[in-house]
Amino acid sequence: MHPESAPAAVDRDVFGNVPKRHTDWSHRRGEPRVFTLLWMVYLMGATVLMFSSMATAYSISPEITRPAARSMLMVIVIGLSVLWPMVRFSQRQVGHVEFTGQSHVGSAIRDGLVLFIPMQAVLWPQAMGVLAGWPIEVVSAISALLFGWIVILGGVIALGCASIERNKGKESIRVVWMVLVMLIVFGAPLVGSVNGMGASVGVDRPRVGWLLSPVTGLLEIVRDRRELGTSARVFIEQWRLIIALVCVGSALLLLARASEVARSKYRA
């Protein structure tokens, strides 16, 4: 029997089952499963980092757990604000001539859910007294802030991937969009480092401008406010800006979706 006439091997899963509606199991090997796995491993690494930083302590106290929790959350923020766009903009299939035509907005929303939902498992325990012991409203504000920035970055990623696709995956376009992301994430801290960015503001007042970056926004929300009789505090001005961030991100997603619809009609 010639090799070309040999029957193709049947694709089976780990339980020996064959697919019922597909020719193979390739539809279960792609996104978002790999992305989800990598993010879960990343969260586990951030958690291990937090506990390892407390390993040499003779006793557990808020003076030890809160800095460790801040470090863990900072690692998570860097992951969703820098590594997420970097991964998506560097993927080979973005801009490939045989691109599948899936919605970039849908992919960004799916990524956002993959990032946001598992993150809650390491965020909300920080309200426990044995960990950071932050008030519930502070943990809620952290979650809302990160959600707002996930929405904003999701819109930027959707617009960027569409631009990369239109330009056939040119490396220069990928670099331009990644630089834009870095400016969005670190632009406010860079400007603030020049003019002080409210560094002299007392703990009884919010530094609202710090929320214009996910990095400094996190540091502002978990700022030590023991002088006010609480470990941390959220002000109404900060809630207003968090809502504004969600609105800006939603507008970016709507813009990206409108661009997709217009382009599909143009092709038709």
C-alpha atoms as a PDB file:
ATOM      1  CA  MET A   1       0.000   0.000   0.000  1.00  0.00           C
ATOM      2  CA  HIS A   2       1.385   3.397  -0.964  1.00  0.00           C
ATOM      3  CA  PRO A   3       1.843   5.963   1.827  1.00  0.00           C
ATOM      4  CA  GLU A   4      -0.517   8.405   0.132  1.00  0.00           C
ATOM      5  CA  SER A   5      -3.285   5.808   0.115  1.00  0.00           C
ATOM      6  CA  ALA A   6      -2.967   4.965   3.820  1.00  0.00           C
ATOM      7  CA  PRO A   7      -5.989   5.969   5.903  1.00  0.00           C
ATOM      8  CA  ALA A   8      -5.577   9.116   7.974  1.00  0.00           C
ATOM      9  CA  ALA A   9      -5.200   8.620  11.699  1.00  0.00           C
ATOM     10  CA  VAL A  10      -8.341   9.374  13.690  1.00  0.00           C
ATOM     11  CA  ASP A  11      -7.948  12.321  16.040  1.00  0.00           C
ATOM     12  CA  ARG A  12      -8.947  11.391  19.596  1.00  0.00           C
ATOM     13  CA  ASP A  13      -8.988  13.259  22.886  1.00  0.00           C
ATOM     14  CA  VAL A  14      -7.342  12.099  26.113  1.00  0.00           C
ATOM     15  CA  PHE A  15     -10.335   9.827  26.768  1.00  0.00           C
ATOM     16  CA  GLY A  16     -10.167   8.210  23.326  1.00  0.00           C
ATOM     17  CA  ASN A  17     -13.275   9.968  21.999  1.00  0.00           C
ATOM     18  CA  VAL A  18     -13.584  11.109  18.399  1.00  0.00           C
ATOM     19  CA  PRO A  19     -15.175  14.506  17.541  1.00  0.00           C
ATOM     20  CA  LYS A  20     -18.857  14.345  16.604  1.00  0.00           C
ATOM     21  CA  ARG A  21     -19.280  17.591  14.645  1.00  0.00           C
ATOM     22  CA  HIS A  22     -15.711  18.299  13.469  1.00  0.00           C
ATOM     23  CA  THR A  23     -13.041  16.443  11.545  1.00  0.00           C
ATOM     24  CA  ASP A  24     -10.576  16.720  14.442  1.00  0.00           C
ATOM     25  CA  TRP A  25     -10.107  18.364  17.858  1.00  0.00           C
ATOM     26  CA  SER A  26      -8.235  21.418  16.550  1.00  0.00           C
ATOM     27  CA  HIS A  27     -11.146  23.681  17.554  1.00  0.00           C
ATOM     28  CA  ARG A  28     -10.355  22.863  21.195  1.00  0.00           C
ATOM     29  CA  ARG A  29      -6.603  23.381  20.979  1.00  0.00           C
ATOM     30  CA  GLY A  30      -6.571  27.065  20.122  1.00  0.00           C
ATOM     31  CA  GLU A  31      -7.683  30.257  21.785  1.00  0.00           C
ATOM     32  CA  PRO A  32      -8.640  31.119  24.406  1.00  0.00           C
ATOM     33  CA  ARG A  33      -7.491  27.937  26.133  1.00  0.00           C
ATOM     34  CA  VAL A  34      -3.772  28.551  25.780  1.00  0.00           C
ATOM     35  CA  PHE A  35      -4.172  32.188  26.781  1.00  0.00           C
ATOM     36  CA  THR A  36      -6.264  31.168  29.792  1.00  0.00           C
ATOM     37  CA  LEU A  37      -3.681  28.605  30.891  1.00  0.00           C
ATOM     38  CA  LEU A  38      -0.824  31.099  30.621  1.00  0.00           C
ATOM     39  CA  TRP A  39      -2.771  33.701  32.597  1.00  0.00           C
ATOM     40  CA  MET A  40      -3.617  31.221  35.346  1.00  0.00           C
ATOM     41  CA  VAL A  41       0.057  30.263  35.612  1.00  0.00           C
ATOM     42  CA  TYR A  42       0.951  33.963  35.748  1.00  0.00           C
ATOM     43  CA  LEU A  43      -1.532  34.576  38.582  1.00  0.00           C
ATOM     44  CA  MET A  44      -0.156  31.605  40.474  1.00  0.00           C
ATOM     45  CA  GLY A  45       3.353  32.998  40.064  1.00  0.00           C
ATOM     46  CA  ALA A  46       2.242  36.392  41.386  1.00  0.00           C
ATOM     47  CA  THR A  47       0.625  34.707  44.392  1.00  0.00           C
ATOM     48  CA  VAL A  48       3.753  32.678  45.093  1.00  0.00           C
ATOM     49  CA  LEU A  49       5.748  35.901  44.921  1.00  0.00           C
ATOM     50  CA  MET A  50       3.507  37.464  47.567  1.00  0.00           C
ATOM     51  CA  PHE A  51       3.833  34.572  50.017  1.00  0.00           C
ATOM     52  CA  SER A  52       7.542  34.080  49.393  1.00  0.00           C
ATOM     53  CA  SER A  53       8.176  37.700  50.341  1.00  0.00           C
ATOM     54  CA  MET A  54       6.672  36.935  53.772  1.00  0.00           C
ATOM     55  CA  ALA A  55       8.576  33.684  54.281  1.00  0.00           C
ATOM     56  CA  THR A  56      11.364  35.223  56.370  1.00  0.00           C
ATOM     57  CA  ALA A  57       9.007  37.122  58.680  1.00  0.00           C
ATOM     58  CA  TYR A  58       8.850  36.001  62.316  1.00  0.00           C
ATOM     59  CA  SER A  59       5.189  37.048  62.567  1.00  0.00           C
ATOM     60  CA  ILE A  60       2.434  38.076  60.175  1.00  0.00           C
ATOM     61  CA  SER A  61       1.167  41.627  60.497  1.00  0.00           C
ATOM     62  CA  PRO A  62      -0.410  44.243  58.187  1.00  0.00           C
ATOM     63  CA  GLU A  63       2.993  45.956  57.926  1.00  0.00           C
ATOM     64  CA  ILE A  64       4.223  42.810  56.156  1.00  0.00           C
ATOM     65  CA  THR A  65       1.152  41.540  54.308  1.00  0.00           C
ATOM     66  CA  ARG A  66       0.100  44.823  52.714  1.00  0.00           C
ATOM     67  CA  PRO A  67       3.411  45.572  50.961  1.00  0.00           C
ATOM     68  CA  ALA A  68       3.440  41.952  49.759  1.00  0.00           C
ATOM     69  CA  ALA A  69      -0.137  42.328  48.465  1.00  0.00           C
ATOM     70  CA  ARG A  70       0.795  45.576  46.698  1.00  0.00           C
ATOM     71  CA  SER A  71       3.704  43.844  44.984  1.00  0.00           C
ATOM     72  CA  MET A  72       1.481  40.968  43.873  1.00  0.00           C
ATOM     73  CA  LEU A  73      -1.150  43.314  42.452  1.00  0.00           C
ATOM     74  CA  MET A  74       1.536  45.364  40.706  1.00  0.00           C
ATOM     75  CA  VAL A  75       2.778  42.223  38.952  1.00  0.00           C
ATOM     76  CA  ILE A  76      -0.801  41.483  37.876  1.00  0.00           C
ATOM     77  CA  VAL A  77      -1.259  45.034  36.577  1.00  0.00           C
ATOM     78  CA  ILE A  78       1.925  44.785  34.497  1.00  0.00           C
ATOM     79  CA  GLY A  79       0.652  41.506  33.093  1.00  0.00           C
ATOM     80  CA  LEU A  80      -2.681  42.854  31.894  1.00  0.00           C
ATOM     81  CA  SER A  81      -1.452  46.287  30.788  1.00  0.00           C
ATOM     82  CA  VAL A  82       1.839  45.371  29.080  1.00  0.00           C
ATOM     83  CA  LEU A  83       2.120  41.636  28.459  1.00  0.00           C
ATOM     84  CA  TRP A  84      -1.445  41.207  27.152  1.00  0.00           C
ATOM     85  CA  PRO A  85      -1.099  43.772  24.325  1.00  0.00           C
ATOM     86  CA  MET A  86       2.429  42.545  23.606  1.00  0.00           C
ATOM     87  CA  VAL A  87       1.206  38.971  23.137  1.00  0.00           C
ATOM     88  CA  ARG A  88      -1.697  39.926  20.875  1.00  0.00           C
ATOM     89  CA  PHE A  89       0.261  42.379  18.711  1.00  0.00           C
ATOM     90  CA  SER A  90       3.104  39.912  18.203  1.00  0.00           C
ATOM     91  CA  GLN A  91       0.996  36.928  17.148  1.00  0.00           C
ATOM     92  CA  ARG A  92       1.686  35.650  13.651  1.00  0.00           C
ATOM     93  CA  GLN A  93      -1.967  35.184  12.659  1.00  0.00           C
ATOM     94  CA  VAL A  94      -2.701  38.887  13.193  1.00  0.00           C
ATOM     95  CA  GLY A  95      -2.337  40.384   9.764  1.00  0.00           C
ATOM     96  CA  HIS A  96      -1.827  37.028   8.026  1.00  0.00           C
ATOM     97  CA  VAL A  97      -3.166  36.963   4.485  1.00  0.00           C
ATOM     98  CA  GLU A  98      -5.380  34.025   5.417  1.00  0.00           C
ATOM     99  CA  PHE A  99      -6.763  35.618   8.564  1.00  0.00           C
ATOM    100  CA  THR A 100      -9.892  33.829   9.722  1.00  0.00           C
ATOM    101  CA  GLY A 101     -11.987  36.976   9.733  1.00  0.00           C
ATOM    102  CA  GLN A 102     -13.104  36.685  13.368  1.00  0.00           C
ATOM    103  CA  SER A 103     -14.108  39.842  15.167  1.00  0.00           C
ATOM    104  CA  HIS A 104     -11.207  41.589  16.862  1.00  0.00           C
ATOM    105  CA  VAL A 105     -13.680  43.183  19.268  1.00  0.00           C
ATOM    106  CA  GLY A 106     -15.089  39.794  20.204  1.00  0.00           C
ATOM    107  CA  SER A 107     -11.598  38.434  20.742  1.00  0.00           C
ATOM    108  CA  ALA A 108     -10.672  41.423  22.928  1.00  0.00           C
ATOM    109  CA  ILE A 109     -13.820  41.030  25.034  1.00  0.00           C
ATOM    110  CA  ARG A 110     -13.119  37.327  25.419  1.00  0.00           C
ATOM    111  CA  ASP A 111      -9.552  38.089  26.497  1.00  0.00           C
ATOM    112  CA  GLY A 112     -10.837  40.655  28.963  1.00  0.00           C
ATOM    113  CA  LEU A 113     -13.116  38.119  30.619  1.00  0.00           C
ATOM    114  CA  VAL A 114     -10.261  35.615  30.785  1.00  0.00           C
ATOM    115  CA  LEU A 115      -8.127  38.256  32.524  1.00  0.00           C
ATOM    116  CA  PHE A 116     -10.750  39.728  34.822  1.00  0.00           C
ATOM    117  CA  ILE A 117     -12.624  36.725  36.210  1.00  0.00           C
ATOM    118  CA  PRO A 118      -9.693  34.594  37.488  1.00  0.00           C
ATOM    119  CA  MET A 119      -8.057  37.741  38.863  1.00  0.00           C
ATOM    120  CA  GLN A 120     -10.891  38.085  41.382  1.00  0.00           C
ATOM    121  CA  ALA A 121      -9.723  34.900  43.099  1.00  0.00           C
ATOM    122  CA  VAL A 122      -6.487  36.575  44.205  1.00  0.00           C
ATOM    123  CA  LEU A 123      -7.959  40.058  44.698  1.00  0.00           C
ATOM    124  CA  TRP A 124     -10.922  39.590  47.024  1.00  0.00           C
ATOM    125  CA  PRO A 125      -9.085  37.537  49.680  1.00  0.00           C
ATOM    126  CA  GLN A 126      -7.068  40.698  50.346  1.00  0.00           C
ATOM    127  CA  ALA A 127     -10.069  41.948  52.345  1.00  0.00           C
ATOM    128  CA  MET A 128      -9.327  39.264  54.953  1.00  0.00           C
ATOM    129  CA  GLY A 129      -7.571  40.366  58.104  1.00  0.00           C
ATOM    130  CA  VAL A 130      -4.893  37.695  57.780  1.00  0.00           C
ATOM    131  CA  LEU A 131      -3.864  39.161  54.415  1.00  0.00           C
ATOM    132  CA  ALA A 132      -3.955  42.841  53.428  1.00  0.00           C
ATOM    133  CA  GLY A 133      -7.083  43.568  55.467  1.00  0.00           C
ATOM    134  CA  TRP A 134      -8.301  46.301  53.107  1.00  0.00           C
ATOM    135  CA  PRO A 135     -11.938  47.420  53.405  1.00  0.00           C
ATOM    136  CA  ILE A 136     -14.441  45.905  50.980  1.00  0.00           C
ATOM    137  CA  GLU A 137     -14.913  49.230  49.213  1.00  0.00           C
ATOM    138  CA  VAL A 138     -11.165  49.436  48.553  1.00  0.00           C
ATOM    139  CA  VAL A 139     -11.059  45.950  47.057  1.00  0.00           C
ATOM    140  CA  SER A 140     -14.162  46.829  45.019  1.00  0.00           C
ATOM    141  CA  ALA A 141     -12.438  49.971  43.734  1.00  0.00           C
ATOM    142  CA  ILE A 142      -9.338  47.978  42.745  1.00  0.00           C
ATOM    143  CA  SER A 143     -11.516  45.511  40.853  1.00  0.00           C
ATOM    144  CA  ALA A 144     -13.447  48.322  39.145  1.00  0.00           C
ATOM    145  CA  LEU A 145     -10.245  50.190  38.249  1.00  0.00           C
ATOM    146  CA  LEU A 146      -8.684  47.116  36.662  1.00  0.00           C
ATOM    147  CA  PHE A 147     -11.942  46.388  34.842  1.00  0.00           C
ATOM    148  CA  GLY A 148     -11.964  49.903  33.409  1.00  0.00           C
ATOM    149  CA  TRP A 149      -8.386  49.561  32.188  1.00  0.00           C
ATOM    150  CA  ILE A 150      -9.086  46.122  30.732  1.00  0.00           C
ATOM    151  CA  VAL A 151     -11.938  47.659  28.735  1.00  0.00           C
ATOM    152  CA  ILE A 152      -9.706  50.522  27.540  1.00  0.00           C
ATOM    153  CA  LEU A 153      -6.842  48.232  26.557  1.00  0.00           C
ATOM    154  CA  GLY A 154      -9.295  45.816  24.953  1.00  0.00           C
ATOM    155  CA  GLY A 155     -10.505  48.619  22.704  1.00  0.00           C
ATOM    156  CA  VAL A 156      -6.942  49.617  21.831  1.00  0.00           C
ATOM    157  CA  ILE A 157      -6.024  45.993  21.095  1.00  0.00           C
ATOM    158  CA  ALA A 158      -9.082  45.555  18.870  1.00  0.00           C
ATOM    159  CA  LEU A 159      -8.214  48.701  16.908  1.00  0.00           C
ATOM    160  CA  GLY A 160      -4.558  47.713  16.751  1.00  0.00           C
ATOM    161  CA  CYS A 161      -5.179  44.165  15.536  1.00  0.00           C
ATOM    162  CA  ALA A 162      -7.504  45.483  12.826  1.00  0.00           C
ATOM    163  CA  SER A 163      -4.820  47.940  11.736  1.00  0.00           C
ATOM    164  CA  ILE A 164      -2.169  45.205  11.698  1.00  0.00           C
ATOM    165  CA  GLU A 165      -4.467  43.009   9.618  1.00  0.00           C
ATOM    166  CA  ARG A 166      -5.098  45.770   7.082  1.00  0.00           C
ATOM    167  CA  ASN A 167      -1.331  46.290   6.754  1.00  0.00           C
ATOM    168  CA  LYS A 168      -0.617  42.558   6.257  1.00  0.00           C
ATOM    169  CA  GLY A 169       1.149  42.203   9.592  1.00  0.00           C
ATOM    170  CA  LYS A 170       3.937  44.724   9.002  1.00  0.00           C
ATOM    171  CA  GLU A 171       6.377  44.781  11.892  1.00  0.00           C
ATOM    172  CA  SER A 172       6.492  48.574  11.960  1.00  0.00           C
ATOM    173  CA  ILE A 173       2.727  48.754  12.518  1.00  0.00           C
ATOM    174  CA  ARG A 174       2.980  46.286  15.388  1.00  0.00           C
ATOM    175  CA  VAL A 175       5.707  48.386  16.996  1.00  0.00           C
ATOM    176  CA  VAL A 176       3.683  51.597  16.582  1.00  0.00           C
ATOM    177  CA  TRP A 177       0.673  50.108  18.351  1.00  0.00           C
ATOM    178  CA  MET A 178       2.796  48.683  21.169  1.00  0.00           C
ATOM    179  CA  VAL A 179       4.456  52.064  21.680  1.00  0.00           C
ATOM    180  CA  LEU A 180       0.974  53.615  21.798  1.00  0.00           C
ATOM    181  CA  VAL A 181      -0.043  51.159  24.511  1.00  0.00           C
ATOM    182  CA  MET A 182       3.065  51.994  26.537  1.00  0.00           C
ATOM    183  CA  LEU A 183       2.261  55.699  26.246  1.00  0.00           C
ATOM    184  CA  ILE A 184      -1.304  55.092  27.403  1.00  0.00           C
ATOM    185  CA  VAL A 185      -0.180  53.010  30.369  1.00  0.00           C
ATOM    186  CA  PHE A 186       2.866  55.001  31.457  1.00  0.00           C
ATOM    187  CA  GLY A 187       2.179  58.427  29.940  1.00  0.00           C
ATOM    188  CA  ALA A 188       0.520  59.899  33.019  1.00  0.00           C
ATOM    189  CA  PRO A 189       3.259  58.714  35.413  1.00  0.00           C
ATOM    190  CA  LEU A 190       5.924  60.149  33.093  1.00  0.00           C
ATOM    191  CA  VAL A 191       4.173  63.511  33.004  1.00  0.00           C
ATOM    192  CA  GLY A 192       3.587  63.382  36.725  1.00  0.00           C
ATOM    193  CA  SER A 193       7.247  62.692  37.431  1.00  0.00           C
ATOM    194  CA  VAL A 194       8.011  66.096  35.922  1.00  0.00           C
ATOM    195  CA  ASN A 195       5.410  68.205  37.751  1.00  0.00           C
ATOM    196  CA  GLY A 196       5.105  66.140  40.918  1.00  0.00           C
ATOM    197  CA  MET A 197       1.657  64.716  40.072  1.00  0.00           C
ATOM    198  CA  GLY A 198       0.211  65.618  43.470  1.00  0.00           C
ATOM    199  CA  ALA A 199       2.977  63.975  45.479  1.00  0.00           C
ATOM    200  CA  SER A 200       2.532  66.571  48.237  1.00  0.00           C
ATOM    201  CA  VAL A 201      -1.206  65.926  48.591  1.00  0.00           C
ATOM    202  CA  GLY A 202      -2.113  64.658  52.050  1.00  0.00           C
ATOM    203  CA  VAL A 203      -3.727  61.315  52.738  1.00  0.00           C
ATOM    204  CA  ASP A 204      -7.046  63.048  53.437  1.00  0.00           C
ATOM    205  CA  ARG A 205      -7.363  64.055  49.763  1.00  0.00           C
ATOM    206  CA  PRO A 206      -7.415  61.889  46.629  1.00  0.00           C
ATOM    207  CA  ARG A 207      -4.809  62.158  43.883  1.00  0.00           C
ATOM    208  CA  VAL A 208      -7.306  61.604  41.087  1.00  0.00           C
ATOM    209  CA  GLY A 209      -4.733  62.056  38.335  1.00  0.00           C
ATOM    210  CA  TRP A 210      -2.954  58.908  39.476  1.00  0.00           C
ATOM    211  CA  LEU A 211      -5.887  56.834  38.172  1.00  0.00           C
ATOM    212  CA  LEU A 212      -4.978  57.854  34.595  1.00  0.00           C
ATOM    213  CA  SER A 213      -2.567  54.917  34.661  1.00  0.00           C
ATOM    214  CA  PRO A 214      -3.343  51.424  35.930  1.00  0.00           C
ATOM    215  CA  VAL A 215       0.032  51.339  37.679  1.00  0.00           C
ATOM    216  CA  THR A 216      -0.246  54.554  39.679  1.00  0.00           C
ATOM    217  CA  GLY A 217      -4.008  54.102  39.995  1.00  0.00           C
ATOM    218  CA  LEU A 218      -3.488  50.907  41.956  1.00  0.00           C
ATOM    219  CA  LEU A 219      -0.915  52.591  44.201  1.00  0.00           C
ATOM    220  CA  GLU A 220      -3.297  55.469  44.881  1.00  0.00           C
ATOM    221  CA  ILE A 221      -6.244  53.280  45.858  1.00  0.00           C
ATOM    222  CA  VAL A 222      -4.176  51.139  48.245  1.00  0.00           C
ATOM    223  CA  ARG A 223      -2.306  54.157  49.617  1.00  0.00           C
ATOM    224  CA  ASP A 224      -1.668  53.871  53.341  1.00  0.00           C
ATOM    225  CA  ARG A 225      -4.201  56.083  55.122  1.00  0.00           C
ATOM    226  CA  ARG A 226      -3.765  54.944  58.704  1.00  0.00           C
ATOM    227  CA  GLU A 227      -3.740  58.611  59.737  1.00  0.00           C
ATOM    228  CA  LEU A 228      -7.446  58.617  58.856  1.00  0.00           C
ATOM    229  CA  GLY A 229      -8.092  55.554  61.003  1.00  0.00           C
ATOM    230  CA  THR A 230      -8.293  53.081  58.115  1.00  0.00           C
ATOM    231  CA  SER A 231      -5.827  51.011  56.112  1.00  0.00           C
ATOM    232  CA  ALA A 232      -7.019  52.525  52.820  1.00  0.00           C
ATOM    233  CA  ARG A 233      -9.895  54.634  51.570  1.00  0.00           C
ATOM    234  CA  VAL A 234     -11.725  55.372  48.344  1.00  0.00           C
ATOM    235  CA  PHE A 235     -13.053  58.862  47.569  1.00  0.00           C
ATOM    236  CA  ILE A 236     -16.063  59.780  45.457  1.00  0.00           C
ATOM    237  CA  GLU A 237     -13.805  61.590  42.972  1.00  0.00           C
ATOM    238  CA  GLN A 238     -11.958  58.327  42.346  1.00  0.00           C
ATOM    239  CA  TRP A 239     -15.208  56.453  41.715  1.00  0.00           C
ATOM    240  CA  ARG A 240     -16.224  59.100  39.187  1.00  0.00           C
ATOM    241  CA  LEU A 241     -12.963  58.734  37.272  1.00  0.00           C
ATOM    242  CA  ILE A 242     -13.239  54.928  37.330  1.00  0.00           C
ATOM    243  CA  ILE A 243     -16.692  55.220  35.739  1.00  0.00           C
ATOM    244  CA  ALA A 244     -15.221  57.609  33.170  1.00  0.00           C
ATOM    245  CA  LEU A 245     -12.506  55.054  32.353  1.00  0.00           C
ATOM    246  CA  VAL A 246     -15.139  52.379  31.716  1.00  0.00           C
ATOM    247  CA  CYS A 247     -17.035  54.785  29.444  1.00  0.00           C
ATOM    248  CA  VAL A 248     -13.879  55.605  27.470  1.00  0.00           C
ATOM    249  CA  GLY A 249     -13.086  51.924  27.046  1.00  0.00           C
ATOM    250  CA  SER A 250     -16.647  51.177  25.931  1.00  0.00           C
ATOM    251  CA  ALA A 251     -16.393  53.976  23.358  1.00  0.00           C
ATOM    252  CA  LEU A 252     -13.164  52.471  22.010  1.00  0.00           C
ATOM    253  CA  LEU A 253     -14.793  49.041  21.671  1.00  0.00           C
ATOM    254  CA  LEU A 254     -17.794  50.565  19.900  1.00  0.00           C
ATOM    255  CA  LEU A 255     -15.462  52.456  17.563  1.00  0.00           C
ATOM    256  CA  ALA A 256     -13.551  49.267  16.786  1.00  0.00           C
ATOM    257  CA  ARG A 257     -16.782  47.371  16.144  1.00  0.00           C
ATOM    258  CA  ALA A 258     -18.132  50.130  13.898  1.00  0.00           C
ATOM    259  CA  SER A 259     -14.886  49.995  11.946  1.00  0.00           C
ATOM    260  CA  GLU A 260     -15.258  46.233  11.523  1.00  0.00           C
ATOM    261  CA  VAL A 261     -18.853  46.527  10.322  1.00  0.00           C
ATOM    262  CA  ALA A 262     -17.953  49.302   7.886  1.00  0.00           C
ATOM    263  CA  ARG A 263     -15.036  47.300   6.512  1.00  0.00           C
ATOM    264  CA  SER A 264     -17.130  44.149   6.075  1.00  0.00           C
ATOM    265  CA  LYS A 265     -19.800  46.111   4.181  1.00  0.00           C
ATOM    266  CA  TYR A 266     -17.093  47.712   2.035  1.00  0.00           C
ATOM    267  CA  ARG A 267     -15.717  44.273   1.138  1.00  0.00           C
ATOM    268  CA  ALA A 268     -19.234  43.041   0.308  1.00  0.00           C
END
